[in-house]
């Protein structure tokens, strides 16, 4: 059982602002007038709730489609709340729970390790046997890492591998999710399934380059032994058909993997690229490692296979990730990376001693951790922890309460700084540009079909910090950005 740390009690708005690092230099901007279609400030909380309901109805949203709340971080009553306890699909805002728990339970300086075992004799640079890779669940072992890692293996005296590349992915229970069933687009990188020995997000960039009357296609980074079956037709005229419109499919192959790329491409688009997920994890790791190994001057002609539990003895070499958990959390929340979030949730169970780590144990661990902090969990459904789910559920009140508790904890600044900053970066870079709220709100966004959500922190013009959440479910959710923006402006101006 993991030890659970206690929370500090609220100590007033000023102390909270200092604790979470919300202080802003210079004079505060004068609040802009509150939009006429939003609830007015300075009224009792019940009246605010009624006004917010009227506002939602005016915007075209039906009862039961919206939950919203703004909680002051000093522990006072909600500034505004509407149907805040309704369990709705929170999309990617549920990543806030996963990343906060990981920062607390694993520690912001936690680093992943990938171990290499020699199953055979290493003589004169030749491994007469298999090279076993014991995956540690590293969510961001990218090509740059692999190039350096391969260089370390070569520097250690390994020049030729006579056997196979054996992947021991037993740290996690094999995924049973169906990427095709989720949205029918398994080639999209956001649909990549967790894998204990994952490399480069199981994704590559397809480089598309017009050359005369044909289109040249290439993988970046290179995938050894993977053929491209091109059915791309080059057309003239303006750039109407770019790389994003191409279709990518695994075409199988009796002897080696084949990726089929089809569609229409405009010559005027010049060189473009699009990131896609190809092959299965076994094929992808083998092809990526094989290309990096060859580029480093190594020799290997064996197969790649998965053998859970193959890494039994002491490792010959251990790769330690160059990035700490705090950096991974930054990437997850700034850019809403799904597969990294899914790895993070499973890692909670792995660090708790479960092998292989299961989603069931990871979910139970996170829910217990929330309850130990006095946070409400009734109706909360974590599913895979990333928000890429049709069954995940959370209320606006649950998200905001968690954010308020996180702000008072030792990892509050790390979590806050991982969120997109309004008007500055991440998924909020292009919003509120030129307005007084730029740099004064840290907001995680979430979106799925018929789901839009925001959750995070707003530093109001009064100097008081708030945890906010707004979730919209329903057929008009995709049209709710203006509603989100109006809500954030109102909290900023009236808080």
Protein backbone atom coordinates (compact mmCIF):
# COMPACT_ATOMS: atom_id res chain seq x y z
CA UNK A 1 0.00 0.00 0.00
CA UNK A 2 1.36 3.40 -0.94
CA UNK A 3 1.67 5.98 1.78
CA UNK A 4 -0.63 8.96 1.41
CA UNK A 5 0.57 12.39 2.46
CA UNK A 6 -1.76 14.82 4.22
CA UNK A 7 -2.89 18.17 2.91
CA UNK A 8 -2.23 21.51 4.47
CA UNK A 9 -5.34 23.41 5.47
CA UNK A 10 -6.27 26.63 3.59
CA UNK A 11 -4.64 29.75 4.94
CA UNK A 12 -6.41 32.53 3.12
CA UNK A 13 -6.36 33.81 -0.44
CA UNK A 14 -3.00 35.58 -0.16
CA UNK A 15 -1.29 32.52 1.28
CA UNK A 16 -2.82 30.28 -1.36
CA UNK A 17 -1.77 32.63 -4.14
CA UNK A 18 1.78 32.57 -2.81
CA UNK A 19 1.76 28.80 -2.35
CA UNK A 20 0.73 28.09 -5.91
CA UNK A 21 2.82 30.85 -7.40
CA UNK A 22 -0.11 32.86 -8.77
CA UNK A 23 1.44 36.22 -7.92
CA UNK A 24 1.49 38.62 -10.90
CA UNK A 25 3.95 41.47 -11.27
CA UNK A 26 2.71 45.02 -11.76
CA UNK A 27 -0.66 46.60 -11.18
CA UNK A 28 -3.78 44.59 -11.84
CA UNK A 29 -5.70 45.51 -14.97
CA UNK A 30 -9.11 47.11 -14.47
CA UNK A 31 -11.84 44.48 -14.91
CA UNK A 32 -13.71 44.68 -18.17
CA UNK A 33 -17.50 44.99 -17.90
CA UNK A 34 -19.20 41.61 -17.43
CA UNK A 35 -21.00 40.42 -20.59
CA UNK A 36 -24.69 41.19 -20.45
CA UNK A 37 -25.63 37.54 -21.01
CA UNK A 38 -23.65 36.33 -18.02
CA UNK A 39 -24.68 36.35 -14.34
CA UNK A 40 -23.96 39.65 -12.63
CA UNK A 41 -21.51 39.88 -9.77
CA UNK A 42 -22.40 40.82 -6.20
CA UNK A 43 -25.53 38.68 -5.87
CA UNK A 44 -26.32 35.78 -3.61
CA UNK A 45 -25.12 32.34 -4.72
CA UNK A 46 -28.61 30.91 -5.45
CA UNK A 47 -29.39 33.87 -7.69
CA UNK A 48 -26.14 33.32 -9.49
CA UNK A 49 -27.14 29.71 -10.12
CA UNK A 50 -30.47 30.77 -11.58
CA UNK A 51 -28.79 33.39 -13.77
CA UNK A 52 -26.27 30.84 -15.03
CA UNK A 53 -29.11 28.49 -15.93
CA UNK A 54 -30.78 31.28 -17.89
CA UNK A 55 -27.47 32.06 -19.59
CA UNK A 56 -26.99 28.41 -20.61
CA UNK A 57 -30.54 28.24 -21.95
CA UNK A 58 -30.04 31.44 -23.92
CA UNK A 59 -26.91 29.91 -25.45
CA UNK A 60 -29.02 26.97 -26.61
CA UNK A 61 -28.03 24.29 -24.10
CA UNK A 62 -30.59 22.06 -22.46
CA UNK A 63 -30.78 21.16 -18.74
CA UNK A 64 -28.38 18.34 -17.94
CA UNK A 65 -25.85 19.29 -20.61
CA UNK A 66 -23.71 21.68 -18.53
CA UNK A 67 -21.94 21.58 -15.20
CA UNK A 68 -19.89 24.57 -14.02
CA UNK A 69 -18.22 25.92 -10.90
CA UNK A 70 -15.63 28.46 -9.74
CA UNK A 71 -14.09 27.71 -6.32
CA UNK A 72 -11.85 30.22 -4.52
CA UNK A 73 -8.60 28.59 -3.46
CA UNK A 74 -8.90 30.03 0.04
CA UNK A 75 -11.65 27.56 0.84
CA UNK A 76 -14.59 29.95 0.68
CA UNK A 77 -17.93 29.21 -1.00
CA UNK A 78 -18.22 28.91 -4.76
CA UNK A 79 -18.26 32.17 -6.68
CA UNK A 80 -20.70 30.59 -9.09
CA UNK A 81 -22.01 27.06 -9.58
CA UNK A 82 -24.54 25.41 -11.81
CA UNK A 83 -25.39 21.67 -11.82
CA UNK A 84 -21.85 21.25 -10.55
CA UNK A 85 -22.42 17.73 -9.15
CA UNK A 86 -23.74 16.23 -12.38
CA UNK A 87 -21.45 13.47 -13.66
CA UNK A 88 -20.56 14.24 -17.27
CA UNK A 89 -17.94 13.05 -19.73
CA UNK A 90 -14.93 15.29 -18.91
CA UNK A 91 -12.80 14.32 -21.94
CA UNK A 92 -9.13 15.21 -21.43
CA UNK A 93 -9.68 17.30 -18.30
CA UNK A 94 -9.60 14.01 -16.38
CA UNK A 95 -5.86 14.00 -17.12
CA UNK A 96 -5.62 16.49 -14.25
CA UNK A 97 -6.47 13.74 -11.77
CA UNK A 98 -4.04 11.28 -13.35
CA UNK A 99 -1.14 13.71 -13.47
CA UNK A 100 -1.69 15.13 -9.99
CA UNK A 101 -1.80 11.63 -8.49
CA UNK A 102 1.36 10.65 -10.38
CA UNK A 103 3.23 13.72 -9.15
CA UNK A 104 2.27 12.87 -5.58
CA UNK A 105 2.70 9.10 -5.61
CA UNK A 106 5.69 8.76 -7.95
CA UNK A 107 7.31 12.12 -7.24
CA UNK A 108 8.06 14.91 -9.74
CA UNK A 109 11.65 13.69 -10.15
CA UNK A 110 10.71 10.08 -10.93
CA UNK A 111 12.46 8.66 -14.01
CA UNK A 112 11.69 5.56 -16.05
CA UNK A 113 14.24 2.82 -16.70
CA UNK A 114 14.57 0.46 -19.65
CA UNK A 115 16.86 -2.52 -19.07
CA UNK A 116 18.82 -4.58 -21.59
CA UNK A 117 19.72 -8.21 -20.85
CA UNK A 118 22.07 -10.48 -22.75
CA UNK A 119 20.66 -13.97 -23.21
CA UNK A 120 23.81 -15.58 -24.52
CA UNK A 121 27.56 -14.99 -24.58
CA UNK A 122 29.10 -11.71 -25.67
CA UNK A 123 32.43 -12.54 -27.33
CA UNK A 124 34.53 -10.16 -29.40
CA UNK A 125 31.59 -7.82 -29.91
CA UNK A 126 29.24 -10.61 -31.00
CA UNK A 127 26.21 -11.54 -28.89
CA UNK A 128 25.62 -15.22 -29.56
CA UNK A 129 22.04 -15.12 -28.40
CA UNK A 130 19.16 -12.74 -27.85
CA UNK A 131 19.09 -9.13 -26.73
CA UNK A 132 16.22 -8.79 -24.25
CA UNK A 133 14.60 -5.40 -23.68
CA UNK A 134 12.71 -5.11 -20.40
CA UNK A 135 10.31 -2.24 -20.86
CA UNK A 136 9.78 0.00 -17.86
CA UNK A 137 6.73 1.76 -19.27
CA UNK A 138 8.64 4.86 -20.38
CA UNK A 139 5.95 7.00 -22.04
CA UNK A 140 8.46 9.09 -23.99
CA UNK A 141 11.35 6.96 -25.19
CA UNK A 142 11.64 8.85 -28.48
CA UNK A 143 13.96 8.41 -31.46
CA UNK A 144 16.52 10.86 -30.05
CA UNK A 145 16.75 8.71 -26.93
CA UNK A 146 17.02 5.53 -28.98
CA UNK A 147 19.91 6.93 -31.01
CA UNK A 148 21.80 7.77 -27.81
CA UNK A 149 20.81 4.47 -26.22
CA UNK A 150 22.07 2.46 -29.21
CA UNK A 151 25.30 4.42 -29.06
CA UNK A 152 25.71 3.36 -25.44
CA UNK A 153 25.14 -0.30 -26.35
CA UNK A 154 27.74 -0.03 -29.10
CA UNK A 155 30.18 1.72 -26.76
CA UNK A 156 29.71 -1.18 -24.33
CA UNK A 157 31.18 -3.55 -26.89
CA UNK A 158 28.08 -4.87 -28.63
CA UNK A 159 28.60 -4.91 -32.40
CA UNK A 160 26.55 -7.79 -33.71
CA UNK A 161 23.44 -9.57 -32.46
CA UNK A 162 23.18 -13.15 -33.72
CA UNK A 163 19.83 -13.82 -32.07
CA UNK A 164 16.51 -12.01 -31.75
CA UNK A 165 15.36 -8.78 -30.20
CA UNK A 166 13.10 -9.99 -27.37
CA UNK A 167 10.64 -7.54 -25.84
CA UNK A 168 9.61 -8.14 -22.24
CA UNK A 169 6.57 -5.90 -21.79
CA UNK A 170 5.33 -7.62 -18.65
CA UNK A 171 5.25 -4.43 -16.57
CA UNK A 172 1.69 -3.80 -17.85
CA UNK A 173 -1.23 -6.08 -18.50
CA UNK A 174 -1.77 -6.22 -22.30
CA UNK A 175 -4.27 -3.61 -23.45
CA UNK A 176 -7.73 -4.85 -24.31
CA UNK A 177 -8.98 -1.53 -25.71
CA UNK A 178 -10.13 -1.38 -29.30
CA UNK A 179 -8.75 1.68 -31.10
CA UNK A 180 -10.76 0.84 -34.20
CA UNK A 181 -13.92 0.65 -32.14
CA UNK A 182 -13.31 4.05 -30.53
CA UNK A 183 -13.50 6.16 -33.68
CA UNK A 184 -12.47 3.95 -36.59
CA UNK A 185 -9.07 5.64 -36.96
CA UNK A 186 -6.38 3.36 -35.49
CA UNK A 187 -3.64 5.13 -37.46
CA UNK A 188 -4.14 8.32 -35.43
CA UNK A 189 -1.33 8.70 -32.84
CA UNK A 190 -3.85 9.57 -30.11
CA UNK A 191 -5.25 6.03 -30.42
CA UNK A 192 -1.95 4.26 -29.61
CA UNK A 193 -2.43 1.62 -26.93
CA UNK A 194 -0.13 1.32 -23.87
CA UNK A 195 2.86 -1.01 -24.18
CA UNK A 196 5.56 -1.60 -21.58
CA UNK A 197 8.38 -1.28 -24.15
CA UNK A 198 6.83 1.49 -26.25
CA UNK A 199 9.16 3.55 -28.43
CA UNK A 200 8.52 6.87 -30.19
CA UNK A 201 4.79 6.71 -29.37
CA UNK A 202 4.54 3.94 -32.02
CA UNK A 203 4.30 6.78 -34.50
CA UNK A 204 6.27 8.22 -37.40
CA UNK A 205 6.03 11.17 -39.73
CA UNK A 206 5.10 10.33 -43.29
CA UNK A 207 7.10 12.72 -45.47
CA UNK A 208 5.34 13.54 -48.74
CA UNK A 209 7.43 15.12 -51.50
CA UNK A 210 6.30 15.80 -55.12
CA UNK A 211 8.97 14.73 -57.61
CA UNK A 212 8.16 15.17 -61.27
CA UNK A 213 5.01 13.21 -62.03
CA UNK A 214 5.14 11.09 -58.88
CA UNK A 215 5.01 11.49 -55.12
CA UNK A 216 7.94 10.30 -53.04
CA UNK A 217 7.04 8.92 -49.61
CA UNK A 218 9.35 8.20 -46.69
CA UNK A 219 9.26 7.45 -42.97
CA UNK A 220 10.80 9.87 -40.48
CA UNK A 221 12.41 8.32 -38.52
CA UNK A 222 13.35 5.40 -40.72
CA UNK A 223 11.73 2.00 -40.17
CA UNK A 224 14.01 -0.85 -41.22
CA UNK A 225 12.42 -3.52 -43.37
CA UNK A 226 9.04 -1.76 -43.71
CA UNK A 227 7.83 -1.27 -47.27
CA UNK A 228 5.58 1.57 -48.47
CA UNK A 229 2.88 0.66 -50.95
CA UNK A 230 2.07 4.01 -52.57
CA UNK A 231 -1.27 4.69 -54.21
CA UNK A 232 -1.02 8.47 -53.98
CA UNK A 233 -2.10 10.41 -57.07
CA UNK A 234 -0.46 13.77 -57.78
CA UNK A 235 -2.73 16.54 -59.06
CA UNK A 236 -2.21 20.09 -60.27
CA UNK A 237 -3.86 23.33 -59.23
CA UNK A 238 -3.66 25.11 -55.86
CA UNK A 239 -2.80 23.33 -52.60
CA UNK A 240 -6.19 21.76 -51.86
CA UNK A 241 -5.09 18.24 -51.03
CA UNK A 242 -2.38 18.04 -48.39
CA UNK A 243 -0.75 15.29 -46.34
CA UNK A 244 -3.51 15.32 -43.73
CA UNK A 245 -5.96 14.00 -46.31
CA UNK A 246 -4.01 10.85 -47.14
CA UNK A 247 -5.19 7.44 -45.95
CA UNK A 248 -2.72 5.19 -44.16
CA UNK A 249 -3.31 1.47 -43.60
CA UNK A 250 -1.24 -1.51 -42.51
CA UNK A 251 -1.33 -3.76 -45.55
CA UNK A 252 0.24 -6.83 -43.96
CA UNK A 253 2.82 -8.80 -45.83
CA UNK A 254 3.96 -12.40 -45.65
CA UNK A 255 7.65 -11.63 -45.20
CA UNK A 256 7.82 -8.03 -44.04
CA UNK A 257 5.45 -5.29 -42.89
CA UNK A 258 3.84 -3.11 -45.53
CA UNK A 259 2.20 0.30 -45.04
CA UNK A 260 -0.20 1.39 -47.77
CA UNK A 261 -0.63 5.13 -48.36
CA UNK A 262 -3.35 6.30 -50.71
CA UNK A 263 -5.24 9.42 -51.73
CA UNK A 264 -4.76 12.62 -53.71
CA UNK A 265 -1.96 15.13 -53.20
CA UNK A 266 -1.60 18.61 -54.70
CA UNK A 267 1.77 19.35 -56.29
CA UNK A 268 1.46 22.97 -55.13
CA UNK A 269 1.59 21.85 -51.50
CA UNK A 270 5.28 21.03 -51.87
CA UNK A 271 6.83 18.88 -49.16
CA UNK A 272 4.59 18.13 -46.19
CA UNK A 273 4.42 15.61 -43.40
CA UNK A 274 1.79 13.95 -41.26
CA UNK A 275 2.22 11.91 -38.08
CA UNK A 276 0.61 8.48 -38.07
CA UNK A 277 0.62 5.33 -35.97
CA UNK A 278 1.63 2.27 -38.01
CA UNK A 279 2.18 -1.45 -37.41
CA UNK A 280 1.77 -3.17 -34.05
CA UNK A 281 4.12 -2.51 -31.14
CA UNK A 282 6.29 -5.57 -31.84
CA UNK A 283 6.78 -4.70 -35.50
CA UNK A 284 7.29 -1.02 -34.81
CA UNK A 285 9.95 -1.45 -32.10
CA UNK A 286 11.78 -3.99 -34.24
CA UNK A 287 11.79 -1.69 -37.27
CA UNK A 288 12.74 1.43 -35.31
CA UNK A 289 15.50 -0.32 -33.35
CA UNK A 290 16.76 -2.04 -36.49
CA UNK A 291 17.14 1.24 -38.36
CA UNK A 292 18.88 2.95 -35.42
CA UNK A 293 21.14 -0.08 -34.88
CA UNK A 294 22.17 -0.15 -38.55
CA UNK A 295 22.76 3.61 -38.61
CA UNK A 296 25.14 3.18 -35.65
CA UNK A 297 27.15 0.55 -37.54
CA UNK A 298 25.68 -2.46 -35.77
CA UNK A 299 24.70 -5.76 -37.38
CA UNK A 300 21.51 -7.70 -36.73
CA UNK A 301 19.33 -9.86 -38.95
CA UNK A 302 17.14 -11.61 -36.41
CA UNK A 303 13.45 -11.33 -35.60
CA UNK A 304 11.59 -9.28 -33.03
CA UNK A 305 9.30 -11.13 -30.64
CA UNK A 306 7.48 -10.56 -27.37
CA UNK A 307 8.28 -12.83 -24.46
CA UNK A 308 6.82 -11.71 -21.18
CA UNK A 309 9.11 -12.46 -18.25
CA UNK A 310 12.17 -13.01 -20.45
CA UNK A 311 14.31 -10.56 -18.43
CA UNK A 312 15.18 -12.72 -15.42
CA UNK A 313 18.81 -11.99 -14.58
CA UNK A 314 20.65 -8.78 -13.77
CA UNK A 315 20.63 -6.32 -16.68
CA UNK A 316 23.72 -5.73 -18.79
CA UNK A 317 22.77 -2.09 -19.38
CA UNK A 318 20.07 0.18 -17.97
CA UNK A 319 18.79 3.24 -19.83
CA UNK A 320 17.47 5.93 -17.50
CA UNK A 321 15.16 8.46 -19.07
CA UNK A 322 16.75 11.90 -19.49
CA UNK A 323 13.44 13.51 -18.50
CA UNK A 324 11.77 13.48 -15.11
CA UNK A 325 8.07 12.97 -14.43
CA UNK A 326 7.51 16.72 -14.10
CA UNK A 327 8.53 17.09 -17.76
CA UNK A 328 6.28 14.23 -18.83
CA UNK A 329 3.35 15.80 -16.95
CA UNK A 330 4.11 19.07 -18.73
CA UNK A 331 3.81 17.33 -22.12
CA UNK A 332 0.65 15.48 -21.14
CA UNK A 333 -1.24 18.55 -20.00
CA UNK A 334 0.13 21.19 -22.38
CA UNK A 335 -0.51 19.06 -25.46
CA UNK A 336 -3.07 16.53 -24.17
CA UNK A 337 -1.05 13.40 -24.99
CA UNK A 338 -3.31 10.39 -24.47
CA UNK A 339 -0.94 7.44 -24.57
CA UNK A 340 1.44 9.15 -22.11
CA UNK A 341 -1.45 9.71 -19.70
CA UNK A 342 -2.50 6.08 -20.02
CA UNK A 343 1.04 4.95 -19.21
CA UNK A 344 1.06 7.25 -16.21
CA UNK A 345 -2.08 5.71 -14.71
CA UNK A 346 -0.73 2.17 -15.17
CA UNK A 347 2.58 3.23 -13.65
CA UNK A 348 0.79 3.96 -10.37
CA UNK A 349 -0.13 0.27 -10.12
CA UNK A 350 3.34 -0.83 -11.25
CA UNK A 351 5.01 1.23 -8.53
CA UNK A 352 2.58 -0.22 -6.02
CA UNK A 353 4.16 -3.61 -6.72
CA UNK A 354 1.62 -5.12 -9.08
CA UNK A 355 3.12 -7.06 -12.01
CA UNK A 356 1.69 -6.87 -14.53
CA UNK A 357 0.04 -3.58 -13.63
CA UNK A 358 -3.67 -3.59 -14.37
CA UNK A 359 -6.05 -0.75 -15.03
CA UNK A 360 -8.40 -2.08 -12.36
CA UNK A 361 -5.72 -1.77 -9.67
CA UNK A 362 -4.55 1.63 -10.94
CA UNK A 363 -8.10 3.00 -10.90
CA UNK A 364 -8.74 1.69 -7.40
CA UNK A 365 -5.47 3.17 -6.18
CA UNK A 366 -6.23 6.61 -7.59
CA UNK A 367 -9.79 6.64 -6.21
CA UNK A 368 -8.56 5.61 -2.75
CA UNK A 369 -5.91 8.33 -2.92
CA UNK A 370 -8.57 10.93 -3.69
CA UNK A 371 -10.82 9.73 -0.85
CA UNK A 372 -7.90 9.92 1.61
CA UNK A 373 -7.78 13.60 0.76
CA UNK A 374 -11.45 14.05 1.53
CA UNK A 375 -12.37 14.53 -2.12
CA UNK A 376 -15.70 13.30 -3.51
CA UNK A 377 -15.51 10.25 -5.79
CA UNK A 378 -19.16 9.24 -6.14
CA UNK A 379 -19.93 8.81 -9.83
CA UNK A 380 -16.30 9.36 -10.83
CA UNK A 381 -15.25 6.98 -13.63
CA UNK A 382 -11.56 7.18 -14.55
CA UNK A 383 -11.53 4.53 -17.29
CA UNK A 384 -8.03 4.78 -18.85
CA UNK A 385 -7.07 8.08 -17.18
CA UNK A 386 -6.59 9.99 -20.43
CA UNK A 387 -10.13 11.09 -21.25
CA UNK A 388 -10.09 9.22 -24.56
CA UNK A 389 -13.19 7.38 -23.43
CA UNK A 390 -16.93 7.24 -23.91
CA UNK A 391 -17.55 6.03 -20.34
CA UNK A 392 -15.32 8.34 -18.25
CA UNK A 393 -17.31 10.57 -15.92
CA UNK A 394 -16.57 13.42 -13.54
CA UNK A 395 -18.47 16.42 -12.26
CA UNK A 396 -17.31 20.01 -12.44
CA UNK A 397 -17.29 20.05 -8.63
CA UNK A 398 -14.99 17.01 -8.48
CA UNK A 399 -12.50 18.53 -10.89
CA UNK A 400 -12.48 21.91 -9.18
CA UNK A 401 -12.20 20.39 -5.68
CA UNK A 402 -9.22 18.32 -6.83
CA UNK A 403 -7.59 21.38 -8.34
CA UNK A 404 -8.11 23.34 -5.14
CA UNK A 405 -6.59 20.53 -3.07
CA UNK A 406 -3.67 20.22 -5.49
CA UNK A 407 -2.97 23.95 -5.20
CA UNK A 408 -2.42 23.54 -1.47
CA UNK A 409 -0.07 20.57 -1.82
CA UNK A 410 3.66 20.37 -2.45
CA UNK A 411 3.18 19.70 -6.18
CA UNK A 412 0.74 22.55 -6.82
CA UNK A 413 3.16 24.73 -8.77
CA UNK A 414 4.35 21.81 -10.91
CA UNK A 415 0.78 20.85 -11.79
CA UNK A 416 -0.27 24.43 -12.49
CA UNK A 417 2.74 25.09 -14.68
CA UNK A 418 1.95 22.01 -16.74
CA UNK A 419 -1.36 23.51 -17.87
CA UNK A 420 -1.75 25.59 -21.03
CA UNK A 421 -1.44 29.30 -20.22
CA UNK A 422 -4.18 31.46 -21.70
CA UNK A 423 -2.93 33.39 -24.70
CA UNK A 424 0.60 32.01 -24.38
CA UNK A 425 1.05 28.28 -25.04
CA UNK A 426 -0.39 24.80 -25.45
CA UNK A 427 -4.01 24.36 -26.43
CA UNK A 428 -4.86 27.86 -25.09
CA UNK A 429 -2.23 29.74 -27.08
CA UNK A 430 -4.63 31.36 -29.52
CA UNK A 431 -7.34 32.29 -27.01
CA UNK A 432 -7.86 35.67 -25.30
CA UNK A 433 -4.94 37.18 -27.21
CA UNK A 434 -4.66 40.88 -26.40
CA UNK A 435 -7.06 40.63 -23.44
CA UNK A 436 -6.40 41.32 -19.78
CA UNK A 437 -6.63 37.61 -18.95
CA UNK A 438 -3.52 36.63 -20.96
CA UNK A 439 -1.08 34.94 -18.61
CA UNK A 440 -3.61 34.96 -15.74
CA UNK A 441 -5.30 31.61 -16.33
CA UNK A 442 -3.97 28.06 -16.61
CA UNK A 443 -6.56 25.92 -18.37
CA UNK A 444 -6.68 22.26 -19.46
CA UNK A 445 -9.04 21.66 -22.36
CA UNK A 446 -10.89 18.51 -23.38
CA UNK A 447 -12.82 17.57 -26.47
CA UNK A 448 -14.56 14.54 -27.94
CA UNK A 449 -17.58 14.19 -30.16
CA UNK A 450 -20.40 15.91 -28.23
CA UNK A 451 -18.03 16.80 -25.37
CA UNK A 452 -16.18 20.02 -24.55
CA UNK A 453 -14.60 20.81 -21.19
CA UNK A 454 -12.20 23.19 -19.48
CA UNK A 455 -10.67 23.01 -16.01
CA UNK A 456 -7.86 24.83 -14.29
CA UNK A 457 -7.00 28.03 -12.48
CA UNK A 458 -8.00 31.66 -12.99
CA UNK A 459 -6.28 34.54 -11.21
CA UNK A 460 -9.12 37.08 -11.02
CA UNK A 461 -8.55 40.79 -11.50
CA UNK A 462 -9.27 41.22 -7.78
CA UNK A 463 -6.15 39.18 -6.98
CA UNK A 464 -8.15 36.17 -5.77
CA UNK A 465 -7.26 32.76 -7.35
CA UNK A 466 -9.94 30.27 -8.38
CA UNK A 467 -10.18 26.65 -9.43
CA UNK A 468 -12.72 26.41 -12.24
CA UNK A 469 -14.37 23.70 -14.30
CA UNK A 470 -16.96 23.80 -17.07
CA UNK A 471 -18.16 20.63 -18.81
CA UNK A 472 -20.55 20.56 -21.75
CA UNK A 473 -22.06 17.32 -23.11
CA UNK A 474 -24.55 17.12 -25.93
CA UNK A 475 -25.01 17.63 -29.67
CA UNK A 476 -24.11 21.33 -29.46
CA UNK A 477 -20.96 20.85 -27.38
CA UNK A 478 -18.69 21.65 -30.32
CA UNK A 479 -20.26 25.12 -30.45
CA UNK A 480 -19.53 25.88 -26.80
CA UNK A 481 -16.19 27.64 -27.13
CA UNK A 482 -17.82 31.06 -26.87
CA UNK A 483 -19.60 29.88 -23.75
CA UNK A 484 -16.29 28.70 -22.25
CA UNK A 485 -14.63 32.01 -23.03
CA UNK A 486 -17.48 34.02 -21.58
CA UNK A 487 -17.40 31.94 -18.40
CA UNK A 488 -13.63 32.43 -17.99
CA UNK A 489 -13.93 36.17 -18.61
CA UNK A 490 -16.69 36.48 -16.06
CA UNK A 491 -14.71 34.65 -13.35
CA UNK A 492 -11.67 36.78 -14.16
CA UNK A 493 -13.63 40.04 -14.04
CA UNK A 494 -15.95 39.29 -11.11
CA UNK A 495 -13.96 36.94 -8.89
